[in-house]
């Protein structure tokens, strides 16, 4: 690595130069030591609680759910995508524990709810009045590229490999597939979640704040 490339390894900002800004949303420790978190510049030096409160003012109308029966490594990526596209909440269906490495600490700013079984999740969705939209390349699924996802909904994803379980498929009010053109049978849940969430964003969201 050359000297000119050193800046590429730096993440975030150092200690606040000069007099500290005034505001309850600022974290004195971050102002003093610097902010190297994985957050956009808008939230530099903010407390975690202040970041969450601001995000809560703008969260979108869609939720994301993923089955967790095999400790799928893609769950972290799903959570990270949900944070990036500002999902209302992420729902982990099945095992409570999931691999957080792929989330890159974004789960600290994202509401995550656990449901022990698909029946618990379905009951929650029904009470919330949210249709369950399955995303899987299954016979009978409609191409997502030819439709508009509901504004208020839960996007449900299955495990890497088997996809949505039988009970999860039965719980879906609608089922959509993502067009593929190569030889692989499927794309992983992390990638599929990003594609589906962005499809929702294109249909329903305003531009992000500057």
C-alpha atoms as a PDB file:
ATOM      1  CA  UNK A   1       0.000   0.000   0.000  1.00  0.00           C
ATOM      2  CA  UNK A   2       1.384   3.394  -0.935  1.00  0.00           C
ATOM      3  CA  UNK A   3       1.303   6.458   1.297  1.00  0.00           C
ATOM      4  CA  UNK A   4      -1.384   7.968  -0.899  1.00  0.00           C
ATOM      5  CA  UNK A   5      -3.664   5.009  -0.221  1.00  0.00           C
ATOM      6  CA  UNK A   6      -3.518   5.224   3.567  1.00  0.00           C
ATOM      7  CA  UNK A   7      -6.679   7.340   3.731  1.00  0.00           C
ATOM      8  CA  UNK A   8      -8.664   4.532   2.159  1.00  0.00           C
ATOM      9  CA  UNK A   9      -8.309   2.464   5.348  1.00  0.00           C
ATOM     10  CA  UNK A  10      -9.762   5.204   7.553  1.00  0.00           C
ATOM     11  CA  UNK A  11     -13.438   4.916   8.393  1.00  0.00           C
ATOM     12  CA  UNK A  12     -15.407   7.763   9.898  1.00  0.00           C
ATOM     13  CA  UNK A  13     -13.969  10.911  11.469  1.00  0.00           C
ATOM     14  CA  UNK A  14     -11.549  11.810  14.235  1.00  0.00           C
ATOM     15  CA  UNK A  15     -12.142  13.940  17.339  1.00  0.00           C
ATOM     16  CA  UNK A  16     -14.262  17.066  16.812  1.00  0.00           C
ATOM     17  CA  UNK A  17     -11.924  19.990  15.977  1.00  0.00           C
ATOM     18  CA  UNK A  18     -12.447  23.140  18.027  1.00  0.00           C
ATOM     19  CA  UNK A  19     -15.362  23.915  20.344  1.00  0.00           C
ATOM     20  CA  UNK A  20     -17.894  21.131  20.681  1.00  0.00           C
ATOM     21  CA  UNK A  21     -21.344  21.613  19.160  1.00  0.00           C
ATOM     22  CA  UNK A  22     -24.334  21.958  21.464  1.00  0.00           C
ATOM     23  CA  UNK A  23     -27.186  19.454  21.413  1.00  0.00           C
ATOM     24  CA  UNK A  24     -28.487  16.487  23.382  1.00  0.00           C
ATOM     25  CA  UNK A  25     -28.091  14.234  20.341  1.00  0.00           C
ATOM     26  CA  UNK A  26     -24.295  14.537  20.467  1.00  0.00           C
ATOM     27  CA  UNK A  27     -22.218  11.898  22.280  1.00  0.00           C
ATOM     28  CA  UNK A  28     -19.396  13.484  24.340  1.00  0.00           C
ATOM     29  CA  UNK A  29     -17.270  10.357  24.059  1.00  0.00           C
ATOM     30  CA  UNK A  30     -17.512  10.351  20.260  1.00  0.00           C
ATOM     31  CA  UNK A  31     -16.771  14.077  20.093  1.00  0.00           C
ATOM     32  CA  UNK A  32     -13.648  13.517  22.161  1.00  0.00           C
ATOM     33  CA  UNK A  33     -12.378  10.299  20.591  1.00  0.00           C
ATOM     34  CA  UNK A  34     -13.802  10.362  17.078  1.00  0.00           C
ATOM     35  CA  UNK A  35     -16.600   8.445  15.380  1.00  0.00           C
ATOM     36  CA  UNK A  36     -15.556   5.346  13.437  1.00  0.00           C
ATOM     37  CA  UNK A  37     -18.997   3.733  13.295  1.00  0.00           C
ATOM     38  CA  UNK A  38     -20.671   2.423  10.161  1.00  0.00           C
ATOM     39  CA  UNK A  39     -23.118   5.344   9.881  1.00  0.00           C
ATOM     40  CA  UNK A  40     -23.754   8.010   7.246  1.00  0.00           C
ATOM     41  CA  UNK A  41     -22.223  11.456   7.792  1.00  0.00           C
ATOM     42  CA  UNK A  42     -25.599  12.825   8.922  1.00  0.00           C
ATOM     43  CA  UNK A  43     -25.242  10.836  12.145  1.00  0.00           C
ATOM     44  CA  UNK A  44     -21.594  11.478  12.943  1.00  0.00           C
ATOM     45  CA  UNK A  45     -21.064  12.074  16.667  1.00  0.00           C
ATOM     46  CA  UNK A  46     -24.734  11.333  17.464  1.00  0.00           C
ATOM     47  CA  UNK A  47     -25.673   8.979  20.284  1.00  0.00           C
ATOM     48  CA  UNK A  48     -27.120   5.608  19.296  1.00  0.00           C
ATOM     49  CA  UNK A  49     -30.434   6.543  20.887  1.00  0.00           C
ATOM     50  CA  UNK A  50     -30.614   9.790  18.908  1.00  0.00           C
ATOM     51  CA  UNK A  51     -29.901   7.957  15.640  1.00  0.00           C
ATOM     52  CA  UNK A  52     -32.660   5.421  16.311  1.00  0.00           C
ATOM     53  CA  UNK A  53     -35.128   8.154  17.265  1.00  0.00           C
ATOM     54  CA  UNK A  54     -34.445  10.032  14.041  1.00  0.00           C
ATOM     55  CA  UNK A  55     -34.770   6.871  11.939  1.00  0.00           C
ATOM     56  CA  UNK A  56     -38.048   6.064  13.678  1.00  0.00           C
ATOM     57  CA  UNK A  57     -39.470   9.329  12.369  1.00  0.00           C
ATOM     58  CA  UNK A  58     -38.883   8.181   8.789  1.00  0.00           C
ATOM     59  CA  UNK A  59     -39.215   4.388   8.717  1.00  0.00           C
ATOM     60  CA  UNK A  60     -41.043   2.924   5.733  1.00  0.00           C
ATOM     61  CA  UNK A  61     -44.251   0.896   5.700  1.00  0.00           C
ATOM     62  CA  UNK A  62     -42.701  -2.458   4.803  1.00  0.00           C
ATOM     63  CA  UNK A  63     -41.348  -5.098   7.173  1.00  0.00           C
ATOM     64  CA  UNK A  64     -38.891  -7.878   6.392  1.00  0.00           C
ATOM     65  CA  UNK A  65     -39.022 -11.438   7.708  1.00  0.00           C
ATOM     66  CA  UNK A  66     -36.665 -14.356   7.254  1.00  0.00           C
ATOM     67  CA  UNK A  67     -36.850 -17.948   8.425  1.00  0.00           C
ATOM     68  CA  UNK A  68     -33.995 -19.106  10.640  1.00  0.00           C
ATOM     69  CA  UNK A  69     -33.904 -22.879  10.989  1.00  0.00           C
ATOM     70  CA  UNK A  70     -30.279 -23.538   9.994  1.00  0.00           C
ATOM     71  CA  UNK A  71     -28.356 -20.504  11.297  1.00  0.00           C
ATOM     72  CA  UNK A  72     -28.281 -18.984   7.819  1.00  0.00           C
ATOM     73  CA  UNK A  73     -25.305 -16.638   7.350  1.00  0.00           C
ATOM     74  CA  UNK A  74     -27.429 -14.494   5.011  1.00  0.00           C
ATOM     75  CA  UNK A  75     -29.559 -13.164   7.862  1.00  0.00           C
ATOM     76  CA  UNK A  76     -26.951 -10.548   8.755  1.00  0.00           C
ATOM     77  CA  UNK A  77     -27.041  -9.260   5.182  1.00  0.00           C
ATOM     78  CA  UNK A  78     -30.841  -9.145   5.264  1.00  0.00           C
ATOM     79  CA  UNK A  79     -30.699  -7.030   8.430  1.00  0.00           C
ATOM     80  CA  UNK A  80     -28.077  -4.740   6.911  1.00  0.00           C
ATOM     81  CA  UNK A  81     -30.248  -4.274   3.803  1.00  0.00           C
ATOM     82  CA  UNK A  82     -33.276  -3.582   5.987  1.00  0.00           C
ATOM     83  CA  UNK A  83     -31.333  -0.843   7.733  1.00  0.00           C
ATOM     84  CA  UNK A  84     -30.120   0.627   4.439  1.00  0.00           C
ATOM     85  CA  UNK A  85     -33.655   0.779   3.019  1.00  0.00           C
ATOM     86  CA  UNK A  86     -35.172   1.758   6.395  1.00  0.00           C
ATOM     87  CA  UNK A  87     -37.588  -1.111   6.922  1.00  0.00           C
ATOM     88  CA  UNK A  88     -40.022  -0.699   9.787  1.00  0.00           C
ATOM     89  CA  UNK A  89     -38.823  -3.903  11.424  1.00  0.00           C
ATOM     90  CA  UNK A  90     -37.022  -7.179  10.799  1.00  0.00           C
ATOM     91  CA  UNK A  91     -38.635 -10.437  11.931  1.00  0.00           C
ATOM     92  CA  UNK A  92     -36.566 -13.541  12.654  1.00  0.00           C
ATOM     93  CA  UNK A  93     -38.780 -16.626  12.417  1.00  0.00           C
ATOM     94  CA  UNK A  94     -37.453 -19.761  14.094  1.00  0.00           C
ATOM     95  CA  UNK A  95     -34.269 -19.827  16.132  1.00  0.00           C
ATOM     96  CA  UNK A  96     -33.630 -16.705  18.177  1.00  0.00           C
ATOM     97  CA  UNK A  97     -29.873 -16.737  17.639  1.00  0.00           C
ATOM     98  CA  UNK A  98     -28.574 -15.633  14.255  1.00  0.00           C
ATOM     99  CA  UNK A  99     -25.158 -14.768  12.842  1.00  0.00           C
ATOM    100  CA  UNK A 100     -24.734 -11.024  13.254  1.00  0.00           C
ATOM    101  CA  UNK A 101     -21.404 -10.715  11.484  1.00  0.00           C
ATOM    102  CA  UNK A 102     -22.929  -9.814   8.120  1.00  0.00           C
ATOM    103  CA  UNK A 103     -25.062  -7.096   9.699  1.00  0.00           C
ATOM    104  CA  UNK A 104     -21.950  -4.946  10.235  1.00  0.00           C
ATOM    105  CA  UNK A 105     -23.412  -3.619  13.508  1.00  0.00           C
ATOM    106  CA  UNK A 106     -26.440  -2.157  11.684  1.00  0.00           C
ATOM    107  CA  UNK A 107     -28.714  -4.261  13.911  1.00  0.00           C
ATOM    108  CA  UNK A 108     -27.961  -1.706  16.647  1.00  0.00           C
ATOM    109  CA  UNK A 109     -30.125   0.779  14.746  1.00  0.00           C
ATOM    110  CA  UNK A 110     -32.746  -1.609  13.375  1.00  0.00           C
ATOM    111  CA  UNK A 111     -35.765  -2.966  15.241  1.00  0.00           C
ATOM    112  CA  UNK A 112     -35.571  -6.776  15.251  1.00  0.00           C
ATOM    113  CA  UNK A 113     -38.411  -8.990  16.518  1.00  0.00           C
ATOM    114  CA  UNK A 114     -38.297 -12.751  17.097  1.00  0.00           C
ATOM    115  CA  UNK A 115     -41.097 -15.253  16.418  1.00  0.00           C
ATOM    116  CA  UNK A 116     -40.511 -18.846  17.618  1.00  0.00           C
ATOM    117  CA  UNK A 117     -42.561 -20.408  14.807  1.00  0.00           C
ATOM    118  CA  UNK A 118     -44.177 -19.427  11.522  1.00  0.00           C
ATOM    119  CA  UNK A 119     -47.594 -19.583  13.230  1.00  0.00           C
ATOM    120  CA  UNK A 120     -46.524 -16.878  15.695  1.00  0.00           C
ATOM    121  CA  UNK A 121     -45.306 -14.699  12.859  1.00  0.00           C
ATOM    122  CA  UNK A 122     -48.525 -15.165  10.873  1.00  0.00           C
ATOM    123  CA  UNK A 123     -50.612 -14.266  13.920  1.00  0.00           C
ATOM    124  CA  UNK A 124     -48.586 -11.082  14.406  1.00  0.00           C
ATOM    125  CA  UNK A 125     -48.951 -10.096  10.725  1.00  0.00           C
ATOM    126  CA  UNK A 126     -52.710 -10.687  10.827  1.00  0.00           C
ATOM    127  CA  UNK A 127     -53.091  -8.564  13.953  1.00  0.00           C
ATOM    128  CA  UNK A 128     -51.004  -5.805  12.336  1.00  0.00           C
ATOM    129  CA  UNK A 129     -53.120  -5.992   9.179  1.00  0.00           C
ATOM    130  CA  UNK A 130     -50.087  -6.652   6.980  1.00  0.00           C
ATOM    131  CA  UNK A 131     -50.179  -9.028   3.985  1.00  0.00           C
ATOM    132  CA  UNK A 132     -47.332 -11.542   3.872  1.00  0.00           C
ATOM    133  CA  UNK A 133     -45.476 -11.354   0.549  1.00  0.00           C
ATOM    134  CA  UNK A 134     -43.214 -14.326  -0.147  1.00  0.00           C
ATOM    135  CA  UNK A 135     -40.138 -13.872  -2.326  1.00  0.00           C
ATOM    136  CA  UNK A 136     -39.067 -17.183  -3.850  1.00  0.00           C
ATOM    137  CA  UNK A 137     -38.672 -18.720  -7.307  1.00  0.00           C
ATOM    138  CA  UNK A 138     -41.480 -21.245  -6.949  1.00  0.00           C
ATOM    139  CA  UNK A 139     -44.015 -22.556  -9.449  1.00  0.00           C
ATOM    140  CA  UNK A 140     -46.903 -20.115  -9.578  1.00  0.00           C
ATOM    141  CA  UNK A 141     -44.889 -17.148  -8.329  1.00  0.00           C
ATOM    142  CA  UNK A 142     -45.524 -13.939 -10.255  1.00  0.00           C
ATOM    143  CA  UNK A 143     -42.538 -12.041 -11.703  1.00  0.00           C
ATOM    144  CA  UNK A 144     -41.753  -9.176  -9.341  1.00  0.00           C
ATOM    145  CA  UNK A 145     -40.625  -7.108 -12.323  1.00  0.00           C
ATOM    146  CA  UNK A 146     -44.179  -6.977 -13.691  1.00  0.00           C
ATOM    147  CA  UNK A 147     -45.976  -5.779 -10.569  1.00  0.00           C
ATOM    148  CA  UNK A 148     -45.863  -3.258  -7.727  1.00  0.00           C
ATOM    149  CA  UNK A 149     -45.321  -4.525  -4.218  1.00  0.00           C
ATOM    150  CA  UNK A 150     -47.976  -3.486  -1.674  1.00  0.00           C
ATOM    151  CA  UNK A 151     -47.124  -0.334   0.262  1.00  0.00           C
ATOM    152  CA  UNK A 152     -47.897  -1.978   3.608  1.00  0.00           C
ATOM    153  CA  UNK A 153     -46.589  -5.520   3.728  1.00  0.00           C
ATOM    154  CA  UNK A 154     -44.092  -8.001   5.134  1.00  0.00           C
ATOM    155  CA  UNK A 155     -41.531  -9.370   2.679  1.00  0.00           C
ATOM    156  CA  UNK A 156     -40.815 -12.970   3.681  1.00  0.00           C
ATOM    157  CA  UNK A 157     -37.638 -14.847   2.705  1.00  0.00           C
ATOM    158  CA  UNK A 158     -36.632 -18.458   3.250  1.00  0.00           C
ATOM    159  CA  UNK A 159     -33.371 -20.202   4.050  1.00  0.00           C
ATOM    160  CA  UNK A 160     -30.429 -20.465   1.715  1.00  0.00           C
ATOM    161  CA  UNK A 161     -30.962 -23.628  -0.337  1.00  0.00           C
ATOM    162  CA  UNK A 162     -34.450 -24.874   0.505  1.00  0.00           C
ATOM    163  CA  UNK A 163     -36.078 -21.448   0.292  1.00  0.00           C
ATOM    164  CA  UNK A 164     -39.413 -20.875   2.014  1.00  0.00           C
ATOM    165  CA  UNK A 165     -40.636 -23.768   4.126  1.00  0.00           C
ATOM    166  CA  UNK A 166     -43.975 -25.393   3.397  1.00  0.00           C
ATOM    167  CA  UNK A 167     -45.780 -23.627   6.278  1.00  0.00           C
ATOM    168  CA  UNK A 168     -44.277 -20.302   5.188  1.00  0.00           C
ATOM    169  CA  UNK A 169     -45.489 -20.772   1.622  1.00  0.00           C
ATOM    170  CA  UNK A 170     -48.978 -21.555   2.884  1.00  0.00           C
ATOM    171  CA  UNK A 171     -48.916 -18.358   4.970  1.00  0.00           C
ATOM    172  CA  UNK A 172     -48.158 -16.062   2.018  1.00  0.00           C
ATOM    173  CA  UNK A 173     -50.934 -13.868   0.668  1.00  0.00           C
ATOM    174  CA  UNK A 174     -48.868 -13.252  -2.469  1.00  0.00           C
ATOM    175  CA  UNK A 175     -45.759 -14.850  -3.949  1.00  0.00           C
ATOM    176  CA  UNK A 176     -43.242 -13.189  -6.259  1.00  0.00           C
ATOM    177  CA  UNK A 177     -40.113 -14.377  -8.022  1.00  0.00           C
ATOM    178  CA  UNK A 178     -36.994 -12.502  -9.133  1.00  0.00           C
ATOM    179  CA  UNK A 179     -36.034 -12.957 -12.782  1.00  0.00           C
ATOM    180  CA  UNK A 180     -32.820 -14.909 -13.352  1.00  0.00           C
ATOM    181  CA  UNK A 181     -31.044 -15.552 -16.620  1.00  0.00           C
ATOM    182  CA  UNK A 182     -28.070 -17.776 -15.807  1.00  0.00           C
ATOM    183  CA  UNK A 183     -27.592 -21.416 -14.837  1.00  0.00           C
ATOM    184  CA  UNK A 184     -27.906 -21.109 -11.056  1.00  0.00           C
ATOM    185  CA  UNK A 185     -31.151 -22.330  -9.514  1.00  0.00           C
ATOM    186  CA  UNK A 186     -31.414 -19.457  -7.074  1.00  0.00           C
ATOM    187  CA  UNK A 187     -29.735 -16.389  -5.619  1.00  0.00           C
ATOM    188  CA  UNK A 188     -29.081 -16.189  -1.895  1.00  0.00           C
ATOM    189  CA  UNK A 189     -31.511 -14.597   0.520  1.00  0.00           C
ATOM    190  CA  UNK A 190     -29.241 -11.646   1.210  1.00  0.00           C
ATOM    191  CA  UNK A 191     -29.144 -10.633  -2.443  1.00  0.00           C
ATOM    192  CA  UNK A 192     -32.845 -11.376  -2.966  1.00  0.00           C
ATOM    193  CA  UNK A 193     -33.789  -9.213   0.002  1.00  0.00           C
ATOM    194  CA  UNK A 194     -31.851  -6.254  -1.374  1.00  0.00           C
ATOM    195  CA  UNK A 195     -33.514  -6.585  -4.778  1.00  0.00           C
ATOM    196  CA  UNK A 196     -37.005  -6.852  -3.268  1.00  0.00           C
ATOM    197  CA  UNK A 197     -36.521  -3.967  -0.856  1.00  0.00           C
ATOM    198  CA  UNK A 198     -35.215  -1.741  -3.618  1.00  0.00           C
ATOM    199  CA  UNK A 199     -38.241  -2.645  -5.738  1.00  0.00           C
ATOM    200  CA  UNK A 200     -40.405  -1.415  -2.852  1.00  0.00           C
ATOM    201  CA  UNK A 201     -38.303   1.768  -2.577  1.00  0.00           C
ATOM    202  CA  UNK A 202     -38.662   2.537  -6.291  1.00  0.00           C
ATOM    203  CA  UNK A 203     -42.426   2.223  -6.038  1.00  0.00           C
ATOM    204  CA  UNK A 204     -43.156   3.992  -2.769  1.00  0.00           C
ATOM    205  CA  UNK A 205     -40.269   5.970  -1.261  1.00  0.00           C
ATOM    206  CA  UNK A 206     -39.164   9.562  -1.560  1.00  0.00           C
ATOM    207  CA  UNK A 207     -35.489  10.477  -2.136  1.00  0.00           C
ATOM    208  CA  UNK A 208     -33.371  10.054   1.000  1.00  0.00           C
ATOM    209  CA  UNK A 209     -32.479  13.149   3.072  1.00  0.00           C
ATOM    210  CA  UNK A 210     -29.434  15.064   1.901  1.00  0.00           C
END
